[in-house]
Amino acid sequence: MIQCVLCSSGQENIQHLFFQCPYSAYIWTLCRLKLGIPCSIETLQDEANLIQEKFKKKYKSSILAKLTLAAAVWHIWKERNQRNFQLQENHKIMVFRRLYEDINELGRTCTWKSDKHGDKVTVLSNWGVSAI
């Protein structure tokens, strides 16, 4: 088995890489806090199901939540590959910062239906995105 390059304390598999690894768990926790969802999800499928259930309509916050899921997976995977193939490491805060910047940029430059519900507006403002 291959050792996790993000934390060096577990065997790398999908479950560990994205949810059990302390490095990845930190990034997911920050994403969940910004989305206003519980911090106890244990699988990628559960994470996707929760986001789909909580963000049903096609408002800006719903698209942002789905982008967050994809961006978190992408940035964690990208960091893993960077460590494996380029022998370069980024601190977990830097990885989250890049994820945040990507979400913020997409949220500011794309045009979607406006959110008018208080909890959804909060989600948008957590990511630095206007509700209008």
N, C-alpha and C. Protein backbone atom coordinates (compact mmCIF):
# COMPACT_ATOMS: atom_id res chain seq x y z
N MET A 1 0.83 -1.19 0.00
CA MET A 1 0.00 0.00 0.00
C MET A 1 0.87 1.26 0.00
N ILE A 2 0.35 2.30 -0.60
CA ILE A 2 1.05 3.57 -0.70
C ILE A 2 0.67 4.45 0.49
N GLN A 3 1.67 5.11 1.06
CA GLN A 3 1.44 6.01 2.18
C GLN A 3 0.93 7.36 1.66
N CYS A 4 0.01 7.96 2.38
CA CYS A 4 -0.56 9.26 2.01
C CYS A 4 0.53 10.33 2.00
N VAL A 5 0.66 11.03 0.88
CA VAL A 5 1.69 12.07 0.78
C VAL A 5 1.25 13.37 1.45
N LEU A 6 -0.02 13.48 1.77
CA LEU A 6 -0.50 14.71 2.41
C LEU A 6 -0.25 14.72 3.92
N CYS A 7 -0.38 13.55 4.55
CA CYS A 7 -0.22 13.51 6.02
C CYS A 7 0.86 12.54 6.49
N SER A 8 1.30 11.65 5.63
CA SER A 8 2.31 10.64 5.95
C SER A 8 1.91 9.72 7.10
N SER A 9 0.61 9.65 7.38
CA SER A 9 0.20 8.82 8.52
C SER A 9 -0.88 7.80 8.18
N GLY A 10 -1.24 7.70 6.95
CA GLY A 10 -2.27 6.74 6.56
C GLY A 10 -1.96 6.15 5.22
N GLN A 11 -2.67 5.10 4.89
CA GLN A 11 -2.52 4.50 3.58
C GLN A 11 -3.42 5.22 2.60
N GLU A 12 -2.85 5.57 1.46
CA GLU A 12 -3.60 6.35 0.49
C GLU A 12 -4.64 5.49 -0.22
N ASN A 13 -5.87 5.88 -0.06
CA ASN A 13 -6.99 5.36 -0.83
C ASN A 13 -7.98 6.51 -0.92
N ILE A 14 -9.03 6.35 -1.68
CA ILE A 14 -9.96 7.46 -1.89
C ILE A 14 -10.54 7.95 -0.58
N GLN A 15 -10.98 7.04 0.27
CA GLN A 15 -11.59 7.42 1.54
C GLN A 15 -10.61 8.21 2.40
N HIS A 16 -9.39 7.72 2.49
CA HIS A 16 -8.41 8.42 3.32
C HIS A 16 -8.03 9.77 2.69
N LEU A 17 -7.71 9.75 1.41
CA LEU A 17 -7.24 10.97 0.75
C LEU A 17 -8.21 12.13 0.89
N PHE A 18 -9.49 11.87 0.73
CA PHE A 18 -10.45 12.97 0.73
C PHE A 18 -11.15 13.22 2.06
N PHE A 19 -11.18 12.25 2.98
CA PHE A 19 -11.96 12.47 4.20
C PHE A 19 -11.28 12.11 5.51
N GLN A 20 -10.40 11.14 5.51
CA GLN A 20 -9.77 10.74 6.77
C GLN A 20 -8.43 11.44 7.00
N CYS A 21 -7.80 11.87 5.96
CA CYS A 21 -6.52 12.57 6.05
C CYS A 21 -6.73 13.91 6.76
N PRO A 22 -5.97 14.18 7.80
CA PRO A 22 -6.13 15.46 8.51
C PRO A 22 -5.94 16.68 7.61
N TYR A 23 -5.05 16.58 6.65
CA TYR A 23 -4.80 17.68 5.71
C TYR A 23 -6.07 17.98 4.92
N SER A 24 -6.66 16.97 4.31
CA SER A 24 -7.88 17.13 3.52
C SER A 24 -9.08 17.49 4.40
N ALA A 25 -9.17 16.88 5.56
CA ALA A 25 -10.28 17.15 6.47
C ALA A 25 -10.32 18.64 6.85
N TYR A 26 -9.17 19.24 7.00
CA TYR A 26 -9.10 20.67 7.31
C TYR A 26 -9.72 21.50 6.18
N ILE A 27 -9.37 21.17 4.95
CA ILE A 27 -9.91 21.88 3.79
C ILE A 27 -11.41 21.69 3.70
N TRP A 28 -11.88 20.44 3.88
CA TRP A 28 -13.33 20.18 3.84
C TRP A 28 -14.06 20.93 4.95
N THR A 29 -13.47 20.98 6.12
CA THR A 29 -14.11 21.68 7.24
C THR A 29 -14.31 23.15 6.91
N LEU A 30 -13.31 23.79 6.35
CA LEU A 30 -13.45 25.19 5.97
C LEU A 30 -14.53 25.37 4.89
N CYS A 31 -14.54 24.47 3.92
CA CYS A 31 -15.58 24.54 2.86
C CYS A 31 -16.97 24.38 3.46
N ARG A 32 -17.13 23.40 4.34
CA ARG A 32 -18.44 23.16 4.95
C ARG A 32 -18.88 24.34 5.80
N LEU A 33 -17.96 24.93 6.53
CA LEU A 33 -18.32 26.10 7.34
C LEU A 33 -18.82 27.23 6.45
N LYS A 34 -18.15 27.45 5.35
CA LYS A 34 -18.57 28.51 4.43
C LYS A 34 -19.90 28.20 3.76
N LEU A 35 -20.21 26.92 3.58
CA LEU A 35 -21.48 26.52 2.98
C LEU A 35 -22.60 26.37 4.03
N GLY A 36 -22.24 26.41 5.30
CA GLY A 36 -23.24 26.27 6.35
C GLY A 36 -23.80 24.86 6.46
N ILE A 37 -22.96 23.85 6.23
CA ILE A 37 -23.41 22.47 6.35
C ILE A 37 -22.61 21.77 7.44
N PRO A 38 -23.16 20.66 7.99
CA PRO A 38 -22.47 19.95 9.09
C PRO A 38 -21.07 19.49 8.71
N CYS A 39 -20.22 19.40 9.70
CA CYS A 39 -18.83 19.04 9.47
C CYS A 39 -18.54 17.56 9.67
N SER A 40 -19.53 16.69 9.55
CA SER A 40 -19.31 15.28 9.85
C SER A 40 -19.57 14.34 8.68
N ILE A 41 -19.35 14.78 7.48
CA ILE A 41 -19.55 13.94 6.31
C ILE A 41 -18.36 12.99 6.17
N GLU A 42 -18.61 11.75 5.75
CA GLU A 42 -17.53 10.77 5.73
C GLU A 42 -17.20 10.20 4.37
N THR A 43 -18.05 10.43 3.36
CA THR A 43 -17.73 9.93 2.03
C THR A 43 -18.04 11.01 1.00
N LEU A 44 -17.42 10.89 -0.14
CA LEU A 44 -17.66 11.83 -1.22
C LEU A 44 -19.13 11.78 -1.66
N GLN A 45 -19.69 10.57 -1.71
CA GLN A 45 -21.10 10.42 -2.10
C GLN A 45 -22.02 11.11 -1.09
N ASP A 46 -21.74 10.94 0.21
CA ASP A 46 -22.55 11.61 1.25
C ASP A 46 -22.44 13.13 1.12
N GLU A 47 -21.24 13.60 0.83
CA GLU A 47 -21.01 15.03 0.66
C GLU A 47 -21.85 15.56 -0.52
N ALA A 48 -21.78 14.86 -1.64
CA ALA A 48 -22.54 15.27 -2.82
C ALA A 48 -24.04 15.22 -2.55
N ASN A 49 -24.51 14.18 -1.88
CA ASN A 49 -25.94 14.06 -1.56
C ASN A 49 -26.41 15.18 -0.66
N LEU A 50 -25.61 15.52 0.35
CA LEU A 50 -25.98 16.60 1.26
C LEU A 50 -26.07 17.94 0.53
N ILE A 51 -25.10 18.22 -0.32
CA ILE A 51 -25.12 19.47 -1.08
C ILE A 51 -26.32 19.51 -2.02
N GLN A 52 -26.61 18.40 -2.65
CA GLN A 52 -27.76 18.34 -3.56
C GLN A 52 -29.06 18.54 -2.80
N GLU A 53 -29.16 17.99 -1.60
CA GLU A 53 -30.38 18.12 -0.80
C GLU A 53 -30.55 19.54 -0.26
N LYS A 54 -29.47 20.12 0.26
CA LYS A 54 -29.55 21.45 0.87
C LYS A 54 -29.70 22.56 -0.17
N PHE A 55 -29.09 22.38 -1.32
CA PHE A 55 -29.09 23.42 -2.35
C PHE A 55 -29.82 22.90 -3.59
N LYS A 56 -31.15 22.87 -3.53
CA LYS A 56 -31.95 22.26 -4.58
C LYS A 56 -32.19 23.16 -5.79
N LYS A 57 -32.46 24.40 -5.58
CA LYS A 57 -32.82 25.28 -6.68
C LYS A 57 -31.57 25.75 -7.43
N LYS A 58 -31.77 26.24 -8.61
CA LYS A 58 -30.64 26.67 -9.44
C LYS A 58 -30.29 28.13 -9.22
N TYR A 59 -30.15 28.49 -7.96
CA TYR A 59 -29.71 29.83 -7.63
C TYR A 59 -28.19 29.86 -7.57
N LYS A 60 -27.68 31.05 -7.43
CA LYS A 60 -26.23 31.24 -7.35
C LYS A 60 -25.62 30.40 -6.23
N SER A 61 -26.26 30.34 -5.08
CA SER A 61 -25.71 29.59 -3.96
C SER A 61 -25.67 28.09 -4.25
N SER A 62 -26.64 27.59 -5.00
CA SER A 62 -26.65 26.16 -5.35
C SER A 62 -25.49 25.82 -6.27
N ILE A 63 -25.28 26.66 -7.25
CA ILE A 63 -24.18 26.43 -8.18
C ILE A 63 -22.86 26.59 -7.45
N LEU A 64 -22.77 27.58 -6.57
CA LEU A 64 -21.56 27.80 -5.80
C LEU A 64 -21.25 26.58 -4.91
N ALA A 65 -22.27 25.98 -4.31
CA ALA A 65 -22.06 24.81 -3.46
C ALA A 65 -21.51 23.64 -4.28
N LYS A 66 -22.07 23.44 -5.45
CA LYS A 66 -21.59 22.36 -6.31
C LYS A 66 -20.18 22.65 -6.83
N LEU A 67 -19.90 23.89 -7.13
CA LEU A 67 -18.54 24.28 -7.52
C LEU A 67 -17.55 24.03 -6.38
N THR A 68 -17.99 24.29 -5.17
CA THR A 68 -17.14 24.08 -4.00
C THR A 68 -16.77 22.61 -3.86
N LEU A 69 -17.74 21.74 -4.03
CA LEU A 69 -17.47 20.31 -3.96
C LEU A 69 -16.43 19.91 -5.01
N ALA A 70 -16.65 20.34 -6.23
CA ALA A 70 -15.71 20.00 -7.32
C ALA A 70 -14.34 20.63 -7.07
N ALA A 71 -14.32 21.87 -6.63
CA ALA A 71 -13.06 22.57 -6.40
C ALA A 71 -12.26 21.93 -5.26
N ALA A 72 -12.95 21.51 -4.21
CA ALA A 72 -12.24 20.87 -3.09
C ALA A 72 -11.58 19.58 -3.56
N VAL A 73 -12.33 18.76 -4.28
CA VAL A 73 -11.75 17.52 -4.80
C VAL A 73 -10.57 17.83 -5.71
N TRP A 74 -10.75 18.80 -6.61
CA TRP A 74 -9.70 19.16 -7.56
C TRP A 74 -8.44 19.65 -6.84
N HIS A 75 -8.59 20.55 -5.88
CA HIS A 75 -7.42 21.13 -5.22
C HIS A 75 -6.69 20.11 -4.34
N ILE A 76 -7.44 19.23 -3.69
CA ILE A 76 -6.80 18.17 -2.90
C ILE A 76 -6.03 17.23 -3.83
N TRP A 77 -6.66 16.83 -4.92
CA TRP A 77 -6.01 15.94 -5.89
C TRP A 77 -4.79 16.60 -6.52
N LYS A 78 -4.92 17.86 -6.84
CA LYS A 78 -3.81 18.61 -7.44
C LYS A 78 -2.62 18.69 -6.47
N GLU A 79 -2.90 18.94 -5.19
CA GLU A 79 -1.83 18.99 -4.19
C GLU A 79 -1.17 17.63 -4.04
N ARG A 80 -1.96 16.58 -4.03
CA ARG A 80 -1.42 15.22 -3.95
C ARG A 80 -0.48 14.95 -5.13
N ASN A 81 -0.91 15.29 -6.32
CA ASN A 81 -0.08 15.05 -7.51
C ASN A 81 1.16 15.93 -7.54
N GLN A 82 1.03 17.15 -7.07
CA GLN A 82 2.18 18.05 -7.02
C GLN A 82 3.26 17.49 -6.08
N ARG A 83 2.81 16.92 -4.98
CA ARG A 83 3.77 16.33 -4.04
C ARG A 83 4.41 15.07 -4.61
N ASN A 84 3.61 14.27 -5.30
CA ASN A 84 4.12 13.02 -5.88
C ASN A 84 5.05 13.25 -7.06
N PHE A 85 4.70 14.16 -7.94
CA PHE A 85 5.41 14.27 -9.21
C PHE A 85 6.36 15.47 -9.32
N GLN A 86 6.12 16.51 -8.53
CA GLN A 86 6.99 17.68 -8.60
C GLN A 86 7.77 17.91 -7.31
N LEU A 87 7.48 17.10 -6.31
CA LEU A 87 8.14 17.19 -5.01
C LEU A 87 8.04 18.58 -4.39
N GLN A 88 6.86 19.21 -4.58
CA GLN A 88 6.57 20.52 -4.00
C GLN A 88 5.36 20.40 -3.10
N GLU A 89 5.42 21.08 -1.95
CA GLU A 89 4.33 21.03 -0.99
C GLU A 89 3.78 22.41 -0.72
N ASN A 90 2.47 22.48 -0.55
CA ASN A 90 1.81 23.70 -0.11
C ASN A 90 1.13 23.43 1.23
N HIS A 91 1.14 24.41 2.09
CA HIS A 91 0.42 24.29 3.35
C HIS A 91 -1.08 24.22 3.06
N LYS A 92 -1.82 23.53 3.91
CA LYS A 92 -3.26 23.37 3.70
C LYS A 92 -3.99 24.71 3.64
N ILE A 93 -3.50 25.71 4.32
CA ILE A 93 -4.14 27.03 4.26
C ILE A 93 -3.96 27.63 2.87
N MET A 94 -2.80 27.42 2.25
CA MET A 94 -2.57 27.91 0.90
C MET A 94 -3.47 27.20 -0.11
N VAL A 95 -3.65 25.90 0.07
CA VAL A 95 -4.53 25.15 -0.84
C VAL A 95 -5.95 25.67 -0.70
N PHE A 96 -6.41 25.89 0.53
CA PHE A 96 -7.76 26.43 0.71
C PHE A 96 -7.86 27.84 0.13
N ARG A 97 -6.83 28.63 0.31
CA ARG A 97 -6.85 30.00 -0.23
C ARG A 97 -7.02 29.98 -1.75
N ARG A 98 -6.32 29.09 -2.43
CA ARG A 98 -6.47 28.98 -3.89
C ARG A 98 -7.87 28.50 -4.26
N LEU A 99 -8.39 27.56 -3.50
CA LEU A 99 -9.75 27.08 -3.72
C LEU A 99 -10.73 28.25 -3.55
N TYR A 100 -10.57 28.99 -2.47
CA TYR A 100 -11.42 30.15 -2.20
C TYR A 100 -11.35 31.16 -3.34
N GLU A 101 -10.15 31.45 -3.79
CA GLU A 101 -9.98 32.42 -4.87
C GLU A 101 -10.65 31.94 -6.16
N ASP A 102 -10.57 30.67 -6.45
CA ASP A 102 -11.24 30.12 -7.63
C ASP A 102 -12.75 30.28 -7.53
N ILE A 103 -13.30 29.91 -6.38
CA ILE A 103 -14.76 30.01 -6.18
C ILE A 103 -15.18 31.47 -6.24
N ASN A 104 -14.43 32.34 -5.60
CA ASN A 104 -14.75 33.76 -5.60
C ASN A 104 -14.75 34.33 -7.01
N GLU A 105 -13.74 33.98 -7.78
CA GLU A 105 -13.63 34.48 -9.16
C GLU A 105 -14.81 33.99 -10.01
N LEU A 106 -15.13 32.73 -9.91
CA LEU A 106 -16.27 32.19 -10.66
C LEU A 106 -17.57 32.86 -10.22
N GLY A 107 -17.73 33.04 -8.92
CA GLY A 107 -18.94 33.67 -8.40
C GLY A 107 -19.11 35.11 -8.85
N ARG A 108 -18.01 35.82 -8.99
CA ARG A 108 -18.07 37.23 -9.40
C ARG A 108 -18.23 37.41 -10.91
N THR A 109 -17.75 36.47 -11.69
CA THR A 109 -17.74 36.66 -13.13
C THR A 109 -18.90 35.99 -13.87
N CYS A 110 -19.57 35.05 -13.22
CA CYS A 110 -20.69 34.37 -13.88
C CYS A 110 -22.01 35.04 -13.51
N THR A 111 -22.97 34.94 -14.39
CA THR A 111 -24.29 35.50 -14.10
C THR A 111 -25.29 34.37 -13.95
N TRP A 112 -25.94 34.34 -12.77
CA TRP A 112 -26.95 33.36 -12.46
C TRP A 112 -28.12 34.06 -11.80
N LYS A 113 -29.18 33.33 -11.53
CA LYS A 113 -30.32 33.89 -10.80
C LYS A 113 -29.84 34.40 -9.45
N SER A 114 -30.42 35.50 -9.02
CA SER A 114 -30.06 36.07 -7.72
C SER A 114 -30.70 35.26 -6.59
N ASP A 115 -30.00 35.22 -5.47
CA ASP A 115 -30.54 34.59 -4.26
C ASP A 115 -31.13 35.67 -3.38
N LYS A 116 -32.31 35.38 -2.85
CA LYS A 116 -32.96 36.36 -1.97
C LYS A 116 -33.22 35.79 -0.58
N HIS A 117 -32.92 34.51 -0.37
CA HIS A 117 -33.16 33.89 0.93
C HIS A 117 -31.96 34.14 1.83
N GLY A 118 -32.24 34.50 3.08
CA GLY A 118 -31.20 34.89 4.02
C GLY A 118 -30.07 33.91 4.18
N ASP A 119 -30.40 32.61 4.35
CA ASP A 119 -29.34 31.63 4.57
C ASP A 119 -28.49 31.44 3.33
N LYS A 120 -29.10 31.56 2.16
CA LYS A 120 -28.35 31.41 0.91
C LYS A 120 -27.47 32.63 0.65
N VAL A 121 -27.95 33.80 1.01
CA VAL A 121 -27.16 35.03 0.87
C VAL A 121 -25.93 34.94 1.77
N THR A 122 -26.09 34.37 2.95
CA THR A 122 -24.96 34.19 3.87
C THR A 122 -23.91 33.29 3.25
N VAL A 123 -24.34 32.22 2.61
CA VAL A 123 -23.40 31.31 1.94
C VAL A 123 -22.60 32.08 0.90
N LEU A 124 -23.28 32.89 0.11
CA LEU A 124 -22.59 33.67 -0.91
C LEU A 124 -21.59 34.63 -0.29
N SER A 125 -22.02 35.34 0.75
CA SER A 125 -21.11 36.32 1.36
C SER A 125 -19.92 35.62 2.03
N ASN A 126 -20.10 34.39 2.52
CA ASN A 126 -18.99 33.63 3.08
C ASN A 126 -17.89 33.39 2.05
N TRP A 127 -18.28 33.34 0.78
CA TRP A 127 -17.32 33.11 -0.30
C TRP A 127 -16.95 34.42 -0.99
N GLY A 128 -17.43 35.55 -0.48
CA GLY A 128 -17.08 36.84 -1.07
C GLY A 128 -17.80 37.11 -2.37
N VAL A 129 -19.00 36.52 -2.53
CA VAL A 129 -19.77 36.63 -3.77
C VAL A 129 -21.05 37.41 -3.47
N SER A 130 -21.40 38.33 -4.35
CA SER A 130 -22.62 39.13 -4.19
C SER A 130 -23.85 38.28 -4.50
N ALA A 131 -24.92 38.54 -3.76
CA ALA A 131 -26.18 37.81 -3.97
C ALA A 131 -26.95 38.37 -5.15
N ILE A 132 -26.57 39.50 -5.64
CA ILE A 132 -27.31 40.15 -6.73
C ILE A 132 -26.74 39.74 -8.08
